[in-house]
PDB file of N, CA and C in Angstrom:
ATOM      1  N   MET A   1       0.864  -1.158  -0.073  1.00  0.00           N
ATOM      2  CA  MET A   1      -0.067  -0.016   0.038  1.00  0.00           C
ATOM      3  C   MET A   1       0.840   1.116   0.157  1.00  0.00           C
ATOM      4  N   CYS A   2       2.083   1.157  -0.317  1.00  0.00           N
ATOM      5  CA  CYS A   2       2.952   2.356  -0.314  1.00  0.00           C
ATOM      6  C   CYS A   2       3.097   2.986  -1.670  1.00  0.00           C
ATOM      7  N   ARG A   3       2.458   2.361  -2.661  1.00  0.00           N
ATOM      8  CA  ARG A   3       2.842   3.103  -4.039  1.00  0.00           C
ATOM      9  C   ARG A   3       2.199   4.350  -3.953  1.00  0.00           C
ATOM     10  N   SER A   4       2.926   5.309  -4.860  1.00  0.00           N
ATOM     11  CA  SER A   4       2.398   6.779  -4.651  1.00  0.00           C
ATOM     12  C   SER A   4       1.345   6.803  -5.738  1.00  0.00           C
ATOM     13  N   ILE A   5       0.606   7.892  -5.369  1.00  0.00           N
ATOM     14  CA  ILE A   5      -0.626   8.140  -6.374  1.00  0.00           C
ATOM     15  C   ILE A   5       0.084   9.171  -7.533  1.00  0.00           C
ATOM     16  N   LYS A   6      -0.285   8.739  -8.821  1.00  0.00           N
ATOM     17  CA  LYS A   6       0.183   9.522  -9.816  1.00  0.00           C
ATOM     18  C   LYS A   6      -0.184  11.065  -9.887  1.00  0.00           C
ATOM     19  N   ARG A   7       0.701  11.902  -9.871  1.00  0.00           N
ATOM     20  CA  ARG A   7       0.308  13.307  -9.880  1.00  0.00           C
ATOM     21  C   ARG A   7      -0.522  13.580 -11.075  1.00  0.00           C
ATOM     22  N   LEU A   8      -1.547  14.375 -10.982  1.00  0.00           N
ATOM     23  CA  LEU A   8      -2.421  14.620 -12.028  1.00  0.00           C
ATOM     24  C   LEU A   8      -2.359  16.071 -12.692  1.00  0.00           C
ATOM     25  N   ARG A   9      -1.452  16.834 -12.107  1.00  0.00           N
ATOM     26  CA  ARG A   9      -1.157  18.187 -12.605  1.00  0.00           C
ATOM     27  C   ARG A   9       0.259  18.376 -13.081  1.00  0.00           C
ATOM     28  N   GLU A  10       0.592  18.542 -14.337  1.00  0.00           N
ATOM     29  CA  GLU A  10       1.801  18.784 -14.886  1.00  0.00           C
ATOM     30  C   GLU A  10       1.796  20.147 -15.865  1.00  0.00           C
ATOM     31  N   ARG A  11       2.128  21.321 -15.182  1.00  0.00           N
ATOM     32  CA  ARG A  11       2.157  22.422 -15.913  1.00  0.00           C
ATOM     33  C   ARG A  11       1.059  22.739 -16.881  1.00  0.00           C
ATOM     34  N   ASP A  12       1.150  22.479 -18.219  1.00  0.00           N
ATOM     35  CA  ASP A  12       0.006  22.782 -19.050  1.00  0.00           C
ATOM     36  C   ASP A  12      -0.736  21.421 -19.637  1.00  0.00           C
ATOM     37  N   VAL A  13      -0.397  20.388 -18.839  1.00  0.00           N
ATOM     38  CA  VAL A  13      -1.088  19.121 -19.178  1.00  0.00           C
ATOM     39  C   VAL A  13      -2.354  18.899 -18.290  1.00  0.00           C
ATOM     40  N   VAL A  14      -3.459  18.712 -19.080  1.00  0.00           N
ATOM     41  CA  VAL A  14      -4.723  18.440 -17.999  1.00  0.00           C
ATOM     42  C   VAL A  14      -5.012  16.774 -18.042  1.00  0.00           C
ATOM     43  N   ALA A  15      -5.273  16.591 -16.860  1.00  0.00           N
ATOM     44  CA  ALA A  15      -5.583  15.083 -16.530  1.00  0.00           C
ATOM     45  C   ALA A  15      -7.014  14.831 -17.127  1.00  0.00           C
ATOM     46  N   SER A  16      -7.066  13.668 -17.654  1.00  0.00           N
ATOM     47  CA  SER A  16      -8.392  13.201 -18.057  1.00  0.00           C
ATOM     48  C   SER A  16      -9.293  12.762 -17.125  1.00  0.00           C
ATOM     49  N   GLU A  17     -10.572  12.639 -17.369  1.00  0.00           N
ATOM     50  CA  GLU A  17     -11.557  12.138 -16.369  1.00  0.00           C
ATOM     51  C   GLU A  17     -11.228  10.883 -15.917  1.00  0.00           C
ATOM     52  N   ASP A  18     -10.706   9.948 -16.864  1.00  0.00           N
ATOM     53  CA  ASP A  18     -10.363   8.544 -16.520  1.00  0.00           C
ATOM     54  C   ASP A  18      -9.251   8.407 -15.631  1.00  0.00           C
ATOM     55  N   GLU A  19      -8.215   9.492 -15.740  1.00  0.00           N
ATOM     56  CA  GLU A  19      -7.129   9.419 -14.755  1.00  0.00           C
ATOM     57  C   GLU A  19      -7.537  10.083 -13.447  1.00  0.00           C
ATOM     58  N   ILE A  20      -8.182  11.105 -13.466  1.00  0.00           N
ATOM     59  CA  ILE A  20      -8.874  11.590 -12.287  1.00  0.00           C
ATOM     60  C   ILE A  20      -9.593  10.644 -11.315  1.00  0.00           C
ATOM     61  N   ARG A  21     -10.381   9.653 -11.995  1.00  0.00           N
ATOM     62  CA  ARG A  21     -11.058   8.610 -11.357  1.00  0.00           C
ATOM     63  C   ARG A  21     -10.364   7.568 -10.869  1.00  0.00           C
ATOM     64  N   ALA A  22      -9.251   7.196 -11.758  1.00  0.00           N
ATOM     65  CA  ALA A  22      -8.379   6.090 -11.203  1.00  0.00           C
ATOM     66  C   ALA A  22      -7.476   6.558 -10.136  1.00  0.00           C
ATOM     67  N   ALA A  23      -7.096   7.790  -9.883  1.00  0.00           N
ATOM     68  CA  ALA A  23      -6.481   8.538  -8.810  1.00  0.00           C
ATOM     69  C   ALA A  23      -7.396   8.168  -7.509  1.00  0.00           C
ATOM     70  N   ALA A  24      -8.601   8.718  -7.824  1.00  0.00           N
ATOM     71  CA  ALA A  24      -9.753   8.846  -6.798  1.00  0.00           C
ATOM     72  C   ALA A  24      -9.959   7.337  -6.166  1.00  0.00           C
ATOM     73  N   ARG A  25      -9.988   6.326  -7.258  1.00  0.00           N
ATOM     74  CA  ARG A  25     -10.081   5.068  -6.616  1.00  0.00           C
ATOM     75  C   ARG A  25      -8.819   4.330  -5.940  1.00  0.00           C
ATOM     76  N   GLN A  26      -7.659   4.721  -6.341  1.00  0.00           N
ATOM     77  CA  GLN A  26      -6.508   4.438  -5.681  1.00  0.00           C
ATOM     78  C   GLN A  26      -6.289   5.019  -4.243  1.00  0.00           C
ATOM     79  N   PHE A  27      -6.898   6.279  -4.029  1.00  0.00           N
ATOM     80  CA  PHE A  27      -6.848   6.944  -2.929  1.00  0.00           C
ATOM     81  C   PHE A  27      -7.830   6.010  -2.000  1.00  0.00           C
ATOM     82  N   VAL A  28      -9.115   5.947  -2.328  1.00  0.00           N
ATOM     83  CA  VAL A  28     -10.052   5.308  -1.512  1.00  0.00           C
ATOM     84  C   VAL A  28      -9.497   3.861  -1.234  1.00  0.00           C
ATOM     85  N   ARG A  29      -8.757   3.248  -2.066  1.00  0.00           N
ATOM     86  CA  ARG A  29      -8.479   1.889  -1.788  1.00  0.00           C
ATOM     87  C   ARG A  29      -7.510   1.963  -0.659  1.00  0.00           C
ATOM     88  N   LYS A  30      -6.341   3.046  -0.694  1.00  0.00           N
ATOM     89  CA  LYS A  30      -5.378   3.303   0.415  1.00  0.00           C
ATOM     90  C   LYS A  30      -6.233   3.500   1.875  1.00  0.00           C
ATOM     91  N   VAL A  31      -7.050   4.280   1.674  1.00  0.00           N
ATOM     92  CA  VAL A  31      -7.900   4.797   2.919  1.00  0.00           C
ATOM     93  C   VAL A  31      -8.541   3.580   3.545  1.00  0.00           C
ATOM     94  N   SER A  32      -9.332   2.952   2.722  1.00  0.00           N
ATOM     95  CA  SER A  32     -10.121   1.949   3.212  1.00  0.00           C
ATOM     96  C   SER A  32      -9.536   0.650   3.478  1.00  0.00           C
ATOM     97  N   GLY A  33      -8.319   0.352   2.822  1.00  0.00           N
ATOM     98  CA  GLY A  33      -7.524  -0.941   3.109  1.00  0.00           C
ATOM     99  C   GLY A  33      -8.176  -2.008   2.203  1.00  0.00           C
ATOM    100  N   PHE A  34      -9.008  -1.683   1.327  1.00  0.00           N
ATOM    101  CA  PHE A  34      -9.747  -2.480   0.461  1.00  0.00           C
ATOM    102  C   PHE A  34      -9.283  -2.453  -0.983  1.00  0.00           C
ATOM    103  N   ARG A  35      -8.650  -3.565  -1.622  1.00  0.00           N
ATOM    104  CA  ARG A  35      -8.435  -3.452  -3.200  1.00  0.00           C
ATOM    105  C   ARG A  35      -9.659  -3.441  -3.932  1.00  0.00           C
ATOM    106  N   GLU A  36     -10.664  -4.390  -3.603  1.00  0.00           N
ATOM    107  CA  GLU A  36     -11.936  -4.498  -4.088  1.00  0.00           C
ATOM    108  C   GLU A  36     -12.990  -4.622  -2.704  1.00  0.00           C
ATOM    109  N   PRO A  37     -13.894  -3.854  -2.754  1.00  0.00           N
ATOM    110  CA  PRO A  37     -14.742  -3.854  -1.539  1.00  0.00           C
ATOM    111  C   PRO A  37     -15.720  -5.042  -1.688  1.00  0.00           C
ATOM    112  N   SER A  38     -16.167  -5.707  -0.668  1.00  0.00           N
ATOM    113  CA  SER A  38     -17.152  -6.568  -0.544  1.00  0.00           C
ATOM    114  C   SER A  38     -18.382  -6.023  -1.073  1.00  0.00           C
ATOM    115  N   LYS A  39     -19.428  -6.789  -1.466  1.00  0.00           N
ATOM    116  CA  LYS A  39     -20.639  -6.352  -1.850  1.00  0.00           C
ATOM    117  C   LYS A  39     -21.372  -5.535  -0.933  1.00  0.00           C
ATOM    118  N   ARG A  40     -21.192  -5.724   0.383  1.00  0.00           N
ATOM    119  CA  ARG A  40     -21.515  -5.095   1.556  1.00  0.00           C
ATOM    120  C   ARG A  40     -21.056  -3.639   1.520  1.00  0.00           C
ATOM    121  N   HIS A  41     -19.773  -3.412   1.113  1.00  0.00           N
ATOM    122  CA  HIS A  41     -19.085  -2.147   1.285  1.00  0.00           C
ATOM    123  C   HIS A  41     -19.019  -1.464  -0.060  1.00  0.00           C
ATOM    124  N   GLU A  42     -19.523  -2.040  -1.136  1.00  0.00           N
ATOM    125  CA  GLU A  42     -19.424  -1.587  -2.479  1.00  0.00           C
ATOM    126  C   GLU A  42     -20.044  -0.137  -2.763  1.00  0.00           C
ATOM    127  N   ALA A  43     -21.167   0.081  -2.284  1.00  0.00           N
ATOM    128  CA  ALA A  43     -21.849   1.283  -2.500  1.00  0.00           C
ATOM    129  C   ALA A  43     -21.082   2.454  -1.770  1.00  0.00           C
ATOM    130  N   ALA A  44     -20.546   2.198  -0.537  1.00  0.00           N
ATOM    131  CA  ALA A  44     -19.864   3.331   0.222  1.00  0.00           C
ATOM    132  C   ALA A  44     -18.656   3.622  -0.463  1.00  0.00           C
ATOM    133  N   PHE A  45     -17.868   2.467  -1.063  1.00  0.00           N
ATOM    134  CA  PHE A  45     -16.659   2.693  -1.684  1.00  0.00           C
ATOM    135  C   PHE A  45     -16.803   3.495  -2.891  1.00  0.00           C
ATOM    136  N   GLU A  46     -17.830   3.189  -3.785  1.00  0.00           N
ATOM    137  CA  GLU A  46     -18.037   3.851  -4.845  1.00  0.00           C
ATOM    138  C   GLU A  46     -18.462   5.397  -4.688  1.00  0.00           C
ATOM    139  N   ALA A  47     -19.287   5.565  -3.590  1.00  0.00           N
ATOM    140  CA  ALA A  47     -19.732   7.019  -3.329  1.00  0.00           C
ATOM    141  C   ALA A  47     -18.339   7.679  -2.941  1.00  0.00           C
ATOM    142  N   ALA A  48     -17.545   7.127  -2.311  1.00  0.00           N
ATOM    143  CA  ALA A  48     -16.180   7.705  -1.898  1.00  0.00           C
ATOM    144  C   ALA A  48     -15.460   8.126  -3.159  1.00  0.00           C
ATOM    145  N   VAL A  49     -15.300   7.184  -4.118  1.00  0.00           N
ATOM    146  CA  VAL A  49     -14.685   7.459  -5.325  1.00  0.00           C
ATOM    147  C   VAL A  49     -15.108   8.520  -6.028  1.00  0.00           C
ATOM    148  N   ASN A  50     -16.521   8.615  -5.942  1.00  0.00           N
ATOM    149  CA  ASN A  50     -17.400   9.687  -6.888  1.00  0.00           C
ATOM    150  C   ASN A  50     -16.946  11.130  -6.142  1.00  0.00           C
ATOM    151  N   GLU A  51     -17.088  11.114  -4.790  1.00  0.00           N
ATOM    152  CA  GLU A  51     -16.777  12.372  -4.029  1.00  0.00           C
ATOM    153  C   GLU A  51     -15.394  12.853  -4.167  1.00  0.00           C
ATOM    154  N   ILE A  52     -14.228  11.922  -4.191  1.00  0.00           N
ATOM    155  CA  ILE A  52     -13.019  12.212  -4.287  1.00  0.00           C
ATOM    156  C   ILE A  52     -12.717  12.863  -5.726  1.00  0.00           C
ATOM    157  N   ALA A  53     -13.379  12.170  -6.929  1.00  0.00           N
ATOM    158  CA  ALA A  53     -13.133  12.472  -8.159  1.00  0.00           C
ATOM    159  C   ALA A  53     -13.601  13.864  -8.487  1.00  0.00           C
ATOM    160  N   ARG A  54     -14.820  14.116  -7.973  1.00  0.00           N
ATOM    161  CA  ARG A  54     -15.419  15.478  -7.999  1.00  0.00           C
ATOM    162  C   ARG A  54     -14.568  16.621  -7.516  1.00  0.00           C
ATOM    163  N   SER A  55     -14.110  16.245  -6.225  1.00  0.00           N
ATOM    164  CA  SER A  55     -13.441  17.396  -5.630  1.00  0.00           C
ATOM    165  C   SER A  55     -12.104  17.439  -6.294  1.00  0.00           C
ATOM    166  N   SER A  56     -11.405  16.371  -6.745  1.00  0.00           N
ATOM    167  CA  SER A  56     -10.068  16.485  -7.498  1.00  0.00           C
ATOM    168  C   SER A  56     -10.347  17.312  -8.940  1.00  0.00           C
ATOM    169  N   GLU A  57     -11.528  17.000  -9.581  1.00  0.00           N
ATOM    170  CA  GLU A  57     -11.960  17.811 -10.629  1.00  0.00           C
ATOM    171  C   GLU A  57     -12.010  19.325 -10.324  1.00  0.00           C
ATOM    172  N   ARG A  58     -12.657  19.884  -9.340  1.00  0.00           N
ATOM    173  CA  ARG A  58     -12.871  21.180  -9.041  1.00  0.00           C
ATOM    174  C   ARG A  58     -11.601  21.849  -8.722  1.00  0.00           C
ATOM    175  N   LEU A  59     -10.619  21.119  -7.854  1.00  0.00           N
ATOM    176  CA  LEU A  59      -9.451  21.608  -7.497  1.00  0.00           C
ATOM    177  C   LEU A  59      -8.615  21.758  -8.643  1.00  0.00           C
ATOM    178  N   LEU A  60      -8.484  20.836  -9.497  1.00  0.00           N
ATOM    179  CA  LEU A  60      -7.736  20.938 -10.782  1.00  0.00           C
ATOM    180  C   LEU A  60      -8.191  22.090 -11.735  1.00  0.00           C
ATOM    181  N   GLY A  61      -9.470  22.243 -11.809  1.00  0.00           N
ATOM    182  CA  GLY A  61     -10.165  23.379 -12.613  1.00  0.00           C
ATOM    183  C   GLY A  61      -9.910  24.691 -12.069  1.00  0.00           C
ATOM    184  N   LYS A  62      -9.769  24.861 -10.787  1.00  0.00           N
ATOM    185  CA  LYS A  62      -9.499  26.255 -10.092  1.00  0.00           C
ATOM    186  C   LYS A  62      -7.944  26.610 -10.309  1.00  0.00           C
ATOM    187  N   ILE A  63      -7.155  25.489 -10.172  1.00  0.00           N
ATOM    188  CA  ILE A  63      -5.652  25.772 -10.139  1.00  0.00           C
ATOM    189  C   ILE A  63      -5.489  26.131 -11.714  1.00  0.00           C
ATOM    190  N   ALA A  64      -6.097  25.381 -12.621  1.00  0.00           N
ATOM    191  CA  ALA A  64      -5.908  25.671 -14.123  1.00  0.00           C
ATOM    192  C   ALA A  64      -6.428  27.349 -14.361  1.00  0.00           C
ATOM    193  N   ALA A  65      -7.553  27.635 -13.829  1.00  0.00           N
ATOM    194  CA  ALA A  65      -8.073  28.906 -14.041  1.00  0.00           C
ATOM    195  C   ALA A  65      -7.130  29.921 -13.472  1.00  0.00           C
ATOM    196  N   GLU A  66      -6.551  29.791 -12.319  1.00  0.00           N
ATOM    197  CA  GLU A  66      -5.549  30.841 -11.608  1.00  0.00           C
ATOM    198  C   GLU A  66      -4.359  30.713 -12.482  1.00  0.00           C
ATOM    199  N   VAL A  67      -3.848  29.605 -13.083  1.00  0.00           N
ATOM    200  CA  VAL A  67      -2.843  29.693 -13.787  1.00  0.00           C
ATOM    201  C   VAL A  67      -2.810  30.603 -15.095  1.00  0.00           C
ATOM    202  N   ARG A  68      -4.074  30.342 -15.805  1.00  0.00           N
ATOM    203  CA  ARG A  68      -4.380  31.079 -16.976  1.00  0.00           C
ATOM    204  C   ARG A  68      -4.501  32.736 -16.640  1.00  0.00           C
ATOM    205  N   SER A  69      -4.887  32.976 -15.479  1.00  0.00           N
ATOM    206  CA  SER A  69      -5.170  34.439 -15.146  1.00  0.00           C
ATOM    207  C   SER A  69      -3.733  35.238 -15.061  1.00  0.00           C
TER     208      SER A  69
END
């Protein structure tokens, strides 16, 4: 579980939606300790992935907007 999460922001390169979701999934795996959740925990796991992905998209969008300003 020590593998680093890929950095999504590189100067002018914009991360794709798939890259953001993959990073969110990896983060939730690290936090939860589950590589793949059981059926019992699947809904909570996927909800967390969705929340992290949305937050990451907002963060990267704000950073990109500030850089362009």
